[in-house]
Amino acid sequence: MTSQAADRPDQVASRRSKLTREREQEFFDAVLEQIRACGYDSVTMEGVAASTRCSKSTLYRQWKTKPQFVAAALRSCREVRFAGIDTGSLAEDLRRAAHAAGDSSDKDQGLLQALGHAVMQDRELQRALREALVDPEIDALREILRRGVERGEVRADHPALEYIPAQMYGVLRARPVIEGEYADSDYLVRFVEAAVLPVLGLT
């Protein structure tokens, strides 16, 4: 580990270039799947190496520690589920965003729960989690709301606007804890229609 830390950036880049993007993604998919299945603490570099049929030295050469490896894997799965949602109606955009969030809520929330305490202890993991799963969703919801304001569907100074992303994200996290079930599409659409649209004066 000490010698790796002393390597020049060009040497590290040279080593990393030996992995194809597809092979690297195999490693990322494997570690995230094992986290969902076993929890963060149970996952080891050795276990991921065995499941992907590579040497553990390959993984350590690319990512020096498990937190660095998991952080890279989280960033690799970054996607914006709400991208492209623009129906011309704020109410319908929010319904579709709720449906899209519910479609993968079990996958995303399972990962969040499995990371659990580790995220609170490691800043790099926390930052990667936000970049991969939280910030893109919040930014996309804010963009949906901004377009609604521009169309005149809700006034710009409406006091509820700033809380809508937190509501949407919060119910995804809260339902598994409160009711023992993931917030699926049906639940989230009903939540939007009962608790979000009326506050904004939309039907």
N, C-alpha and C. Protein backbone atom coordinates (compact mmCIF):
# COMPACT_ATOMS: atom_id res chain seq x y z
N MET A 1 0.81 -1.21 0.00
CA MET A 1 0.00 0.00 0.00
C MET A 1 0.85 1.26 0.00
N THR A 2 1.96 1.25 0.77
CA THR A 2 2.81 2.44 0.86
C THR A 2 3.41 2.80 -0.48
N SER A 3 3.86 1.77 -1.22
CA SER A 3 4.48 2.05 -2.51
C SER A 3 3.45 2.56 -3.49
N GLN A 4 2.20 2.06 -3.40
CA GLN A 4 1.16 2.54 -4.31
C GLN A 4 0.87 4.00 -4.05
N ALA A 5 0.83 4.38 -2.78
CA ALA A 5 0.52 5.76 -2.44
C ALA A 5 1.56 6.71 -2.99
N ALA A 6 2.79 6.22 -3.18
CA ALA A 6 3.88 7.08 -3.65
C ALA A 6 3.96 7.13 -5.17
N ASP A 7 3.16 6.32 -5.85
CA ASP A 7 3.23 6.31 -7.30
C ASP A 7 2.85 7.66 -7.89
N ARG A 8 3.46 7.96 -9.05
CA ARG A 8 3.11 9.18 -9.76
C ARG A 8 1.75 9.00 -10.42
N PRO A 9 0.99 10.12 -10.65
CA PRO A 9 -0.31 10.04 -11.30
C PRO A 9 -0.28 9.33 -12.64
N ASP A 10 0.81 9.51 -13.42
CA ASP A 10 0.87 8.87 -14.73
C ASP A 10 1.00 7.36 -14.59
N GLN A 11 1.68 6.90 -13.51
CA GLN A 11 1.79 5.46 -13.29
C GLN A 11 0.45 4.87 -12.90
N VAL A 12 -0.29 5.59 -12.03
CA VAL A 12 -1.61 5.12 -11.62
C VAL A 12 -2.54 5.07 -12.83
N ALA A 13 -2.52 6.12 -13.65
CA ALA A 13 -3.37 6.15 -14.84
C ALA A 13 -3.04 5.01 -15.77
N SER A 14 -1.73 4.69 -15.88
CA SER A 14 -1.32 3.60 -16.75
C SER A 14 -1.89 2.28 -16.28
N ARG A 15 -1.83 2.05 -14.96
CA ARG A 15 -2.37 0.80 -14.43
C ARG A 15 -3.87 0.73 -14.64
N ARG A 16 -4.57 1.84 -14.36
CA ARG A 16 -6.02 1.82 -14.45
C ARG A 16 -6.48 1.60 -15.88
N SER A 17 -5.70 2.04 -16.84
CA SER A 17 -6.11 1.92 -18.24
C SER A 17 -6.14 0.47 -18.71
N LYS A 18 -5.54 -0.44 -17.93
CA LYS A 18 -5.53 -1.84 -18.35
C LYS A 18 -6.90 -2.49 -18.22
N LEU A 19 -7.78 -1.92 -17.41
CA LEU A 19 -9.13 -2.43 -17.28
C LEU A 19 -10.04 -1.79 -18.31
N THR A 20 -10.83 -2.59 -18.99
CA THR A 20 -11.81 -2.02 -19.89
C THR A 20 -12.95 -1.44 -19.07
N ARG A 21 -13.71 -0.56 -19.65
CA ARG A 21 -14.87 0.02 -18.97
C ARG A 21 -15.86 -1.06 -18.57
N GLU A 22 -16.03 -2.05 -19.46
CA GLU A 22 -16.96 -3.13 -19.18
C GLU A 22 -16.52 -3.97 -17.98
N ARG A 23 -15.22 -4.27 -17.92
CA ARG A 23 -14.71 -5.06 -16.80
C ARG A 23 -14.79 -4.27 -15.50
N GLU A 24 -14.49 -3.00 -15.55
CA GLU A 24 -14.59 -2.16 -14.37
C GLU A 24 -16.03 -2.14 -13.86
N GLN A 25 -17.00 -2.05 -14.79
CA GLN A 25 -18.40 -2.03 -14.39
C GLN A 25 -18.81 -3.36 -13.76
N GLU A 26 -18.22 -4.45 -14.21
CA GLU A 26 -18.50 -5.75 -13.58
C GLU A 26 -18.11 -5.71 -12.11
N PHE A 27 -16.97 -5.13 -11.81
CA PHE A 27 -16.53 -5.01 -10.42
C PHE A 27 -17.50 -4.14 -9.62
N PHE A 28 -17.91 -3.03 -10.22
CA PHE A 28 -18.81 -2.12 -9.52
C PHE A 28 -20.16 -2.80 -9.25
N ASP A 29 -20.68 -3.47 -10.26
CA ASP A 29 -21.97 -4.15 -10.09
C ASP A 29 -21.87 -5.22 -9.00
N ALA A 30 -20.75 -5.93 -8.99
CA ALA A 30 -20.58 -7.01 -8.01
C ALA A 30 -20.54 -6.48 -6.59
N VAL A 31 -19.80 -5.40 -6.37
CA VAL A 31 -19.69 -4.90 -4.99
C VAL A 31 -21.02 -4.31 -4.52
N LEU A 32 -21.75 -3.62 -5.41
CA LEU A 32 -23.04 -3.06 -5.00
C LEU A 32 -24.06 -4.15 -4.73
N GLU A 33 -24.03 -5.21 -5.54
CA GLU A 33 -24.95 -6.31 -5.31
C GLU A 33 -24.65 -7.01 -3.98
N GLN A 34 -23.38 -7.17 -3.67
CA GLN A 34 -23.02 -7.82 -2.41
C GLN A 34 -23.39 -6.94 -1.21
N ILE A 35 -23.28 -5.63 -1.37
CA ILE A 35 -23.69 -4.74 -0.28
C ILE A 35 -25.18 -4.87 -0.03
N ARG A 36 -25.98 -4.88 -1.12
CA ARG A 36 -27.43 -5.02 -0.95
C ARG A 36 -27.78 -6.35 -0.29
N ALA A 37 -27.07 -7.40 -0.65
CA ALA A 37 -27.40 -8.73 -0.16
C ALA A 37 -26.88 -8.99 1.25
N CYS A 38 -25.69 -8.47 1.56
CA CYS A 38 -25.02 -8.86 2.81
C CYS A 38 -24.79 -7.71 3.78
N GLY A 39 -24.93 -6.47 3.29
CA GLY A 39 -24.58 -5.33 4.12
C GLY A 39 -23.13 -4.92 3.90
N TYR A 40 -22.85 -3.67 4.14
CA TYR A 40 -21.53 -3.12 3.86
C TYR A 40 -20.43 -3.83 4.64
N ASP A 41 -20.66 -4.07 5.92
CA ASP A 41 -19.61 -4.63 6.77
C ASP A 41 -19.20 -6.04 6.36
N SER A 42 -20.13 -6.78 5.73
CA SER A 42 -19.85 -8.16 5.35
C SER A 42 -19.09 -8.29 4.04
N VAL A 43 -19.04 -7.21 3.28
CA VAL A 43 -18.38 -7.25 1.97
C VAL A 43 -16.88 -7.07 2.15
N THR A 44 -16.11 -7.88 1.45
CA THR A 44 -14.65 -7.77 1.48
C THR A 44 -14.12 -7.69 0.06
N MET A 45 -12.95 -7.13 -0.08
CA MET A 45 -12.29 -7.09 -1.39
C MET A 45 -12.05 -8.51 -1.88
N GLU A 46 -11.71 -9.40 -0.95
CA GLU A 46 -11.46 -10.79 -1.33
C GLU A 46 -12.72 -11.44 -1.88
N GLY A 47 -13.87 -11.15 -1.25
CA GLY A 47 -15.12 -11.72 -1.71
C GLY A 47 -15.51 -11.23 -3.08
N VAL A 48 -15.33 -9.93 -3.33
CA VAL A 48 -15.63 -9.38 -4.66
C VAL A 48 -14.69 -9.97 -5.70
N ALA A 49 -13.41 -10.12 -5.34
CA ALA A 49 -12.45 -10.71 -6.27
C ALA A 49 -12.87 -12.13 -6.64
N ALA A 50 -13.32 -12.91 -5.64
CA ALA A 50 -13.74 -14.28 -5.93
C ALA A 50 -14.96 -14.32 -6.82
N SER A 51 -15.93 -13.44 -6.58
CA SER A 51 -17.17 -13.46 -7.37
C SER A 51 -16.96 -12.98 -8.79
N THR A 52 -15.92 -12.18 -9.02
CA THR A 52 -15.65 -11.66 -10.36
C THR A 52 -14.48 -12.36 -11.03
N ARG A 53 -13.95 -13.37 -10.35
CA ARG A 53 -12.85 -14.18 -10.89
C ARG A 53 -11.64 -13.34 -11.28
N CYS A 54 -11.20 -12.57 -10.29
CA CYS A 54 -9.97 -11.81 -10.49
C CYS A 54 -9.16 -11.94 -9.21
N SER A 55 -7.94 -11.48 -9.24
CA SER A 55 -7.12 -11.50 -8.03
C SER A 55 -7.46 -10.27 -7.19
N LYS A 56 -7.37 -10.42 -5.89
CA LYS A 56 -7.67 -9.27 -5.05
C LYS A 56 -6.64 -8.16 -5.26
N SER A 57 -5.44 -8.52 -5.72
CA SER A 57 -4.44 -7.49 -5.99
C SER A 57 -4.90 -6.56 -7.12
N THR A 58 -5.70 -7.10 -8.05
CA THR A 58 -6.24 -6.26 -9.12
C THR A 58 -7.12 -5.17 -8.55
N LEU A 59 -7.96 -5.53 -7.59
CA LEU A 59 -8.85 -4.55 -6.98
C LEU A 59 -8.06 -3.55 -6.14
N TYR A 60 -7.11 -4.04 -5.35
CA TYR A 60 -6.32 -3.14 -4.53
C TYR A 60 -5.45 -2.21 -5.37
N ARG A 61 -5.06 -2.67 -6.56
CA ARG A 61 -4.26 -1.83 -7.45
C ARG A 61 -5.11 -0.67 -7.97
N GLN A 62 -6.37 -0.91 -8.21
CA GLN A 62 -7.26 0.12 -8.74
C GLN A 62 -7.81 1.02 -7.64
N TRP A 63 -8.23 0.39 -6.54
CA TRP A 63 -8.85 1.11 -5.43
C TRP A 63 -8.20 0.62 -4.14
N LYS A 64 -7.49 1.47 -3.48
CA LYS A 64 -6.62 1.04 -2.37
C LYS A 64 -7.39 0.52 -1.16
N THR A 65 -8.63 0.99 -0.97
CA THR A 65 -9.39 0.57 0.20
C THR A 65 -10.82 0.24 -0.21
N LYS A 66 -11.52 -0.48 0.64
CA LYS A 66 -12.92 -0.80 0.36
C LYS A 66 -13.78 0.46 0.25
N PRO A 67 -13.66 1.43 1.15
CA PRO A 67 -14.46 2.65 0.98
C PRO A 67 -14.23 3.34 -0.37
N GLN A 68 -12.97 3.39 -0.83
CA GLN A 68 -12.70 4.00 -2.14
C GLN A 68 -13.37 3.21 -3.26
N PHE A 69 -13.31 1.91 -3.16
CA PHE A 69 -13.92 1.03 -4.16
C PHE A 69 -15.43 1.23 -4.20
N VAL A 70 -16.05 1.23 -3.03
CA VAL A 70 -17.51 1.40 -2.97
C VAL A 70 -17.92 2.79 -3.45
N ALA A 71 -17.15 3.80 -3.09
CA ALA A 71 -17.45 5.15 -3.56
C ALA A 71 -17.40 5.23 -5.08
N ALA A 72 -16.40 4.60 -5.69
CA ALA A 72 -16.30 4.57 -7.15
C ALA A 72 -17.49 3.83 -7.76
N ALA A 73 -17.90 2.74 -7.12
CA ALA A 73 -19.05 1.97 -7.61
C ALA A 73 -20.33 2.78 -7.54
N LEU A 74 -20.50 3.52 -6.46
CA LEU A 74 -21.69 4.36 -6.31
C LEU A 74 -21.75 5.41 -7.42
N ARG A 75 -20.58 6.04 -7.68
CA ARG A 75 -20.57 7.07 -8.72
C ARG A 75 -20.84 6.47 -10.10
N SER A 76 -20.49 5.20 -10.29
CA SER A 76 -20.70 4.57 -11.59
C SER A 76 -22.18 4.34 -11.87
N CYS A 77 -23.01 4.27 -10.81
CA CYS A 77 -24.43 3.98 -11.03
C CYS A 77 -25.27 5.24 -11.05
N ARG A 78 -24.60 6.39 -11.10
CA ARG A 78 -25.33 7.66 -11.11
C ARG A 78 -26.25 7.73 -12.32
N GLU A 79 -27.51 7.98 -12.06
CA GLU A 79 -28.47 8.20 -13.13
C GLU A 79 -29.59 9.08 -12.60
N VAL A 80 -30.21 9.79 -13.49
CA VAL A 80 -31.30 10.69 -13.11
C VAL A 80 -32.60 10.11 -13.64
N ARG A 81 -33.37 9.53 -12.73
CA ARG A 81 -34.61 8.88 -13.16
C ARG A 81 -35.63 9.88 -13.70
N PHE A 82 -35.51 11.13 -13.30
CA PHE A 82 -36.50 12.12 -13.71
C PHE A 82 -36.10 12.88 -14.98
N ALA A 83 -34.95 12.54 -15.53
CA ALA A 83 -34.50 13.21 -16.75
C ALA A 83 -35.51 12.98 -17.87
N GLY A 84 -35.84 14.04 -18.58
CA GLY A 84 -36.76 13.91 -19.71
C GLY A 84 -38.22 14.06 -19.35
N ILE A 85 -38.53 14.15 -18.06
CA ILE A 85 -39.93 14.34 -17.66
C ILE A 85 -40.30 15.80 -17.87
N ASP A 86 -41.13 16.06 -18.84
CA ASP A 86 -41.58 17.42 -19.15
C ASP A 86 -42.85 17.32 -19.99
N THR A 87 -43.98 17.16 -19.31
CA THR A 87 -45.26 16.97 -19.99
C THR A 87 -45.96 18.28 -20.31
N GLY A 88 -45.41 19.39 -19.77
CA GLY A 88 -46.09 20.67 -19.93
C GLY A 88 -47.05 20.95 -18.78
N SER A 89 -47.13 20.05 -17.82
CA SER A 89 -48.00 20.20 -16.67
C SER A 89 -47.22 19.84 -15.41
N LEU A 90 -47.19 20.73 -14.44
CA LEU A 90 -46.45 20.47 -13.21
C LEU A 90 -47.05 19.27 -12.47
N ALA A 91 -48.37 19.21 -12.40
CA ALA A 91 -49.01 18.10 -11.69
C ALA A 91 -48.65 16.77 -12.33
N GLU A 92 -48.70 16.72 -13.64
CA GLU A 92 -48.40 15.46 -14.32
C GLU A 92 -46.91 15.13 -14.22
N ASP A 93 -46.05 16.14 -14.28
CA ASP A 93 -44.61 15.90 -14.10
C ASP A 93 -44.33 15.28 -12.73
N LEU A 94 -44.98 15.79 -11.70
CA LEU A 94 -44.76 15.26 -10.35
C LEU A 94 -45.30 13.85 -10.22
N ARG A 95 -46.42 13.56 -10.86
CA ARG A 95 -46.94 12.19 -10.86
C ARG A 95 -45.95 11.24 -11.53
N ARG A 96 -45.42 11.66 -12.67
CA ARG A 96 -44.48 10.79 -13.38
C ARG A 96 -43.17 10.63 -12.62
N ALA A 97 -42.74 11.69 -11.95
CA ALA A 97 -41.53 11.58 -11.12
C ALA A 97 -41.77 10.59 -9.99
N ALA A 98 -42.94 10.64 -9.38
CA ALA A 98 -43.28 9.70 -8.31
C ALA A 98 -43.28 8.27 -8.84
N HIS A 99 -43.85 8.08 -10.01
CA HIS A 99 -43.89 6.74 -10.61
C HIS A 99 -42.47 6.24 -10.88
N ALA A 100 -41.63 7.10 -11.44
CA ALA A 100 -40.26 6.70 -11.76
C ALA A 100 -39.48 6.37 -10.50
N ALA A 101 -39.66 7.16 -9.45
CA ALA A 101 -38.96 6.89 -8.19
C ALA A 101 -39.41 5.57 -7.59
N GLY A 102 -40.68 5.29 -7.67
CA GLY A 102 -41.20 4.05 -7.10
C GLY A 102 -40.74 2.81 -7.82
N ASP A 103 -40.47 2.94 -9.12
CA ASP A 103 -40.06 1.78 -9.91
C ASP A 103 -38.76 1.15 -9.41
N SER A 104 -37.89 1.97 -8.83
CA SER A 104 -36.60 1.43 -8.37
C SER A 104 -36.35 1.71 -6.89
N SER A 105 -37.43 1.99 -6.16
CA SER A 105 -37.26 2.34 -4.75
C SER A 105 -36.67 1.20 -3.93
N ASP A 106 -37.05 -0.04 -4.26
CA ASP A 106 -36.52 -1.16 -3.48
C ASP A 106 -35.02 -1.31 -3.70
N LYS A 107 -34.58 -1.07 -4.94
CA LYS A 107 -33.15 -1.19 -5.25
C LYS A 107 -32.34 -0.09 -4.56
N ASP A 108 -32.78 1.16 -4.71
CA ASP A 108 -32.02 2.28 -4.16
C ASP A 108 -32.08 2.30 -2.64
N GLN A 109 -33.27 2.11 -2.07
CA GLN A 109 -33.40 2.17 -0.63
C GLN A 109 -32.71 0.99 0.05
N GLY A 110 -32.73 -0.15 -0.63
CA GLY A 110 -32.00 -1.30 -0.10
C GLY A 110 -30.52 -1.01 0.01
N LEU A 111 -29.99 -0.32 -0.99
CA LEU A 111 -28.57 0.04 -0.97
C LEU A 111 -28.29 1.05 0.15
N LEU A 112 -29.17 2.04 0.29
CA LEU A 112 -28.99 3.03 1.35
C LEU A 112 -29.00 2.38 2.73
N GLN A 113 -29.94 1.48 2.93
CA GLN A 113 -30.03 0.81 4.22
C GLN A 113 -28.82 -0.08 4.48
N ALA A 114 -28.36 -0.75 3.43
CA ALA A 114 -27.22 -1.65 3.59
C ALA A 114 -25.93 -0.88 3.90
N LEU A 115 -25.81 0.34 3.38
CA LEU A 115 -24.62 1.14 3.67
C LEU A 115 -24.65 1.67 5.10
N GLY A 116 -25.87 1.98 5.55
CA GLY A 116 -26.13 2.32 6.94
C GLY A 116 -25.07 3.16 7.63
N HIS A 117 -24.52 2.62 8.70
CA HIS A 117 -23.60 3.34 9.57
C HIS A 117 -22.31 3.73 8.86
N ALA A 118 -21.91 2.93 7.87
CA ALA A 118 -20.65 3.21 7.17
C ALA A 118 -20.67 4.58 6.51
N VAL A 119 -21.82 4.97 5.98
CA VAL A 119 -21.92 6.26 5.30
C VAL A 119 -21.68 7.41 6.28
N MET A 120 -22.16 7.25 7.51
CA MET A 120 -21.99 8.30 8.50
C MET A 120 -20.55 8.40 8.99
N GLN A 121 -19.77 7.34 8.83
CA GLN A 121 -18.40 7.31 9.32
C GLN A 121 -17.36 7.69 8.27
N ASP A 122 -17.72 7.62 7.00
CA ASP A 122 -16.75 7.85 5.93
C ASP A 122 -17.24 8.98 5.02
N ARG A 123 -16.53 10.08 5.02
CA ARG A 123 -16.96 11.25 4.24
C ARG A 123 -16.95 10.98 2.74
N GLU A 124 -15.97 10.19 2.29
CA GLU A 124 -15.91 9.88 0.86
C GLU A 124 -17.12 9.07 0.43
N LEU A 125 -17.51 8.10 1.24
CA LEU A 125 -18.70 7.32 0.94
C LEU A 125 -19.94 8.21 0.95
N GLN A 126 -20.03 9.06 1.94
CA GLN A 126 -21.18 9.95 2.05
C GLN A 126 -21.28 10.87 0.84
N ARG A 127 -20.14 11.41 0.43
CA ARG A 127 -20.13 12.31 -0.72
C ARG A 127 -20.51 11.55 -2.00
N ALA A 128 -19.98 10.34 -2.16
CA ALA A 128 -20.30 9.54 -3.35
C ALA A 128 -21.77 9.17 -3.38
N LEU A 129 -22.34 8.85 -2.23
CA LEU A 129 -23.75 8.50 -2.17
C LEU A 129 -24.62 9.67 -2.58
N ARG A 130 -24.27 10.84 -2.09
CA ARG A 130 -25.03 12.03 -2.46
C ARG A 130 -24.91 12.31 -3.96
N GLU A 131 -23.69 12.20 -4.48
CA GLU A 131 -23.48 12.48 -5.91
C GLU A 131 -24.21 11.48 -6.79
N ALA A 132 -24.29 10.23 -6.35
CA ALA A 132 -24.87 9.18 -7.19
C ALA A 132 -26.38 9.09 -7.08
N LEU A 133 -26.91 9.18 -5.86
CA LEU A 133 -28.32 8.86 -5.66
C LEU A 133 -29.19 10.00 -5.16
N VAL A 134 -28.59 11.00 -4.55
CA VAL A 134 -29.40 12.03 -3.92
C VAL A 134 -29.43 13.32 -4.75
N ASP A 135 -28.28 13.93 -4.95
CA ASP A 135 -28.24 15.23 -5.62
C ASP A 135 -28.88 15.24 -7.00
N PRO A 136 -28.63 14.22 -7.86
CA PRO A 136 -29.27 14.26 -9.19
C PRO A 136 -30.80 14.27 -9.11
N GLU A 137 -31.37 13.53 -8.16
CA GLU A 137 -32.82 13.47 -8.01
C GLU A 137 -33.36 14.81 -7.50
N ILE A 138 -32.69 15.37 -6.51
CA ILE A 138 -33.14 16.64 -5.94
C ILE A 138 -33.05 17.74 -7.00
N ASP A 139 -31.96 17.79 -7.74
CA ASP A 139 -31.79 18.81 -8.78
C ASP A 139 -32.85 18.67 -9.86
N ALA A 140 -33.16 17.42 -10.24
CA ALA A 140 -34.17 17.20 -11.28
C ALA A 140 -35.56 17.63 -10.80
N LEU A 141 -35.87 17.37 -9.54
CA LEU A 141 -37.17 17.80 -9.00
C LEU A 141 -37.25 19.32 -8.95
N ARG A 142 -36.15 19.95 -8.58
CA ARG A 142 -36.15 21.41 -8.56
C ARG A 142 -36.36 21.99 -9.96
N GLU A 143 -35.79 21.31 -10.96
CA GLU A 143 -35.98 21.76 -12.34
C GLU A 143 -37.44 21.61 -12.76
N ILE A 144 -38.08 20.52 -12.37
CA ILE A 144 -39.51 20.34 -12.66
C ILE A 144 -40.33 21.46 -12.03
N LEU A 145 -40.02 21.78 -10.79
CA LEU A 145 -40.74 22.85 -10.11
C LEU A 145 -40.47 24.21 -10.76
N ARG A 146 -39.23 24.43 -11.17
CA ARG A 146 -38.88 25.70 -11.82
C ARG A 146 -39.69 25.90 -13.09
N ARG A 147 -39.84 24.84 -13.89
CA ARG A 147 -40.63 24.96 -15.11
C ARG A 147 -42.09 25.26 -14.79
N GLY A 148 -42.60 24.66 -13.71
CA GLY A 148 -43.97 24.95 -13.31
C GLY A 148 -44.16 26.41 -12.94
N VAL A 149 -43.17 26.98 -12.28
CA VAL A 149 -43.21 28.40 -11.94
C VAL A 149 -43.18 29.24 -13.21
N GLU A 150 -42.31 28.89 -14.15
CA GLU A 150 -42.19 29.66 -15.39
C GLU A 150 -43.48 29.62 -16.20
N ARG A 151 -44.20 28.49 -16.12
CA ARG A 151 -45.47 28.38 -16.84
C ARG A 151 -46.61 29.07 -16.11
N GLY A 152 -46.36 29.54 -14.90
CA GLY A 152 -47.39 30.23 -14.15
C GLY A 152 -48.34 29.32 -13.40
N GLU A 153 -47.96 28.05 -13.24
CA GLU A 153 -48.84 27.11 -12.54
C GLU A 153 -48.77 27.28 -11.03
N VAL A 154 -47.68 27.79 -10.55
CA VAL A 154 -47.52 28.07 -9.12
C VAL A 154 -46.64 29.30 -9.00
N ARG A 155 -46.94 30.13 -8.02
CA ARG A 155 -46.17 31.37 -7.92
C ARG A 155 -44.77 31.09 -7.37
N ALA A 156 -43.83 31.91 -7.76
CA ALA A 156 -42.42 31.69 -7.42
C ALA A 156 -42.16 31.77 -5.93
N ASP A 157 -42.96 32.53 -5.20
CA ASP A 157 -42.73 32.69 -3.77
C ASP A 157 -43.61 31.75 -2.93
N HIS A 158 -44.16 30.73 -3.56
CA HIS A 158 -44.99 29.79 -2.81
C HIS A 158 -44.13 29.14 -1.72
N PRO A 159 -44.54 29.20 -0.46
CA PRO A 159 -43.67 28.72 0.63
C PRO A 159 -43.42 27.21 0.62
N ALA A 160 -44.25 26.46 -0.09
CA ALA A 160 -44.09 25.00 -0.08
C ALA A 160 -43.05 24.52 -1.08
N LEU A 161 -42.69 25.34 -2.06
CA LEU A 161 -41.83 24.89 -3.14
C LEU A 161 -40.51 24.30 -2.65
N GLU A 162 -39.87 24.96 -1.69
CA GLU A 162 -38.54 24.50 -1.27
C GLU A 162 -38.59 23.16 -0.55
N TYR A 163 -39.78 22.76 -0.09
CA TYR A 163 -39.88 21.51 0.68
C TYR A 163 -40.29 20.30 -0.15
N ILE A 164 -40.71 20.51 -1.38
CA ILE A 164 -41.22 19.39 -2.18
C ILE A 164 -40.15 18.32 -2.43
N PRO A 165 -38.92 18.68 -2.85
CA PRO A 165 -37.91 17.62 -3.02
C PRO A 165 -37.65 16.83 -1.74
N ALA A 166 -37.60 17.52 -0.61
CA ALA A 166 -37.38 16.82 0.66
C ALA A 166 -38.55 15.90 0.99
N GLN A 167 -39.76 16.33 0.66
CA GLN A 167 -40.93 15.47 0.88
C GLN A 167 -40.84 14.20 0.05
N MET A 168 -40.55 14.38 -1.23
CA MET A 168 -40.49 13.24 -2.15
C MET A 168 -39.40 12.27 -1.73
N TYR A 169 -38.23 12.82 -1.41
CA TYR A 169 -37.12 11.96 -1.03
C TYR A 169 -37.36 11.36 0.35
N GLY A 170 -37.95 12.16 1.23
CA GLY A 170 -38.18 11.71 2.59
C GLY A 170 -39.14 10.54 2.69
N VAL A 171 -40.19 10.55 1.88
CA VAL A 171 -41.17 9.45 1.96
C VAL A 171 -40.56 8.15 1.44
N LEU A 172 -39.63 8.25 0.50
CA LEU A 172 -38.92 7.06 0.03
C LEU A 172 -38.14 6.42 1.18
N ARG A 173 -37.50 7.23 2.00
CA ARG A 173 -36.71 6.72 3.11
C ARG A 173 -37.57 6.27 4.28
N ALA A 174 -38.69 6.99 4.49
CA ALA A 174 -39.47 6.78 5.71
C ALA A 174 -40.37 5.55 5.66
N ARG A 175 -40.98 5.25 4.52
CA ARG A 175 -41.95 4.17 4.51
C ARG A 175 -41.38 2.82 4.93
N PRO A 176 -40.17 2.43 4.47
CA PRO A 176 -39.63 1.15 4.93
C PRO A 176 -39.47 1.08 6.44
N VAL A 177 -39.16 2.22 7.07
CA VAL A 177 -38.97 2.25 8.51
C VAL A 177 -40.31 2.20 9.23
N ILE A 178 -41.28 2.96 8.75
CA ILE A 178 -42.56 3.09 9.44
C ILE A 178 -43.49 1.91 9.17
N GLU A 179 -43.54 1.46 7.90
CA GLU A 179 -44.50 0.44 7.53
C GLU A 179 -43.87 -0.88 7.10
N GLY A 180 -42.55 -0.92 7.00
CA GLY A 180 -41.90 -2.16 6.62
C GLY A 180 -42.06 -2.51 5.15
N GLU A 181 -42.42 -1.53 4.33
CA GLU A 181 -42.57 -1.75 2.90
C GLU A 181 -41.90 -0.61 2.15
N TYR A 182 -41.40 -0.92 0.94
CA TYR A 182 -40.83 0.13 0.12
C TYR A 182 -41.94 1.00 -0.45
N ALA A 183 -41.58 2.25 -0.74
CA ALA A 183 -42.54 3.17 -1.35
C ALA A 183 -42.57 2.90 -2.85
N ASP A 184 -43.51 2.06 -3.28
CA ASP A 184 -43.58 1.71 -4.69
C ASP A 184 -44.29 2.82 -5.48
N SER A 185 -44.45 2.61 -6.78
CA SER A 185 -45.01 3.65 -7.65
C SER A 185 -46.43 4.04 -7.24
N ASP A 186 -47.25 3.04 -6.94
CA ASP A 186 -48.62 3.32 -6.55
C ASP A 186 -48.67 4.18 -5.29
N TYR A 187 -47.86 3.81 -4.32
CA TYR A 187 -47.83 4.57 -3.06
C TYR A 187 -47.37 6.00 -3.29
N LEU A 188 -46.30 6.19 -4.07
CA LEU A 188 -45.75 7.52 -4.28
C LEU A 188 -46.68 8.41 -5.10
N VAL A 189 -47.36 7.84 -6.08
CA VAL A 189 -48.32 8.64 -6.85
C VAL A 189 -49.47 9.08 -5.95
N ARG A 190 -49.95 8.17 -5.10
CA ARG A 190 -51.02 8.54 -4.17
C ARG A 190 -50.53 9.61 -3.18
N PHE A 191 -49.28 9.50 -2.76
CA PHE A 191 -48.72 10.51 -1.87
C PHE A 191 -48.69 11.87 -2.55
N VAL A 192 -48.23 11.92 -3.79
CA VAL A 192 -48.18 13.18 -4.53
C VAL A 192 -49.58 13.78 -4.67
N GLU A 193 -50.55 12.95 -5.01
CA GLU A 193 -51.90 13.47 -5.22
C GLU A 193 -52.57 13.91 -3.93
N ALA A 194 -52.22 13.27 -2.81
CA ALA A 194 -52.86 13.60 -1.54
C ALA A 194 -52.14 14.68 -0.75
N ALA A 195 -50.80 14.72 -0.87
CA ALA A 195 -50.03 15.59 0.03
C ALA A 195 -49.21 16.66 -0.66
N VAL A 196 -48.96 16.52 -1.95
CA VAL A 196 -48.10 17.49 -2.65
C VAL A 196 -48.92 18.43 -3.52
N LEU A 197 -49.73 17.87 -4.41
CA LEU A 197 -50.50 18.71 -5.32
C LEU A 197 -51.45 19.67 -4.61
N PRO A 198 -52.21 19.21 -3.60
CA PRO A 198 -53.11 20.16 -2.93
C PRO A 198 -52.39 21.33 -2.28
N VAL A 199 -51.20 21.08 -1.72
CA VAL A 199 -50.43 22.16 -1.09
C VAL A 199 -50.04 23.20 -2.10
N LEU A 200 -49.75 22.75 -3.33
CA LEU A 200 -49.36 23.68 -4.39
C LEU A 200 -50.55 24.29 -5.11
N GLY A 201 -51.76 23.89 -4.73
CA GLY A 201 -52.95 24.39 -5.38
C GLY A 201 -53.20 23.77 -6.73
N LEU A 202 -52.69 22.53 -6.95
CA LEU A 202 -52.83 21.83 -8.22
C LEU A 202 -53.79 20.67 -8.05
N THR A 203 -54.38 20.25 -9.16
CA THR A 203 -55.28 19.09 -9.11
C THR A 203 -54.86 18.10 -10.17
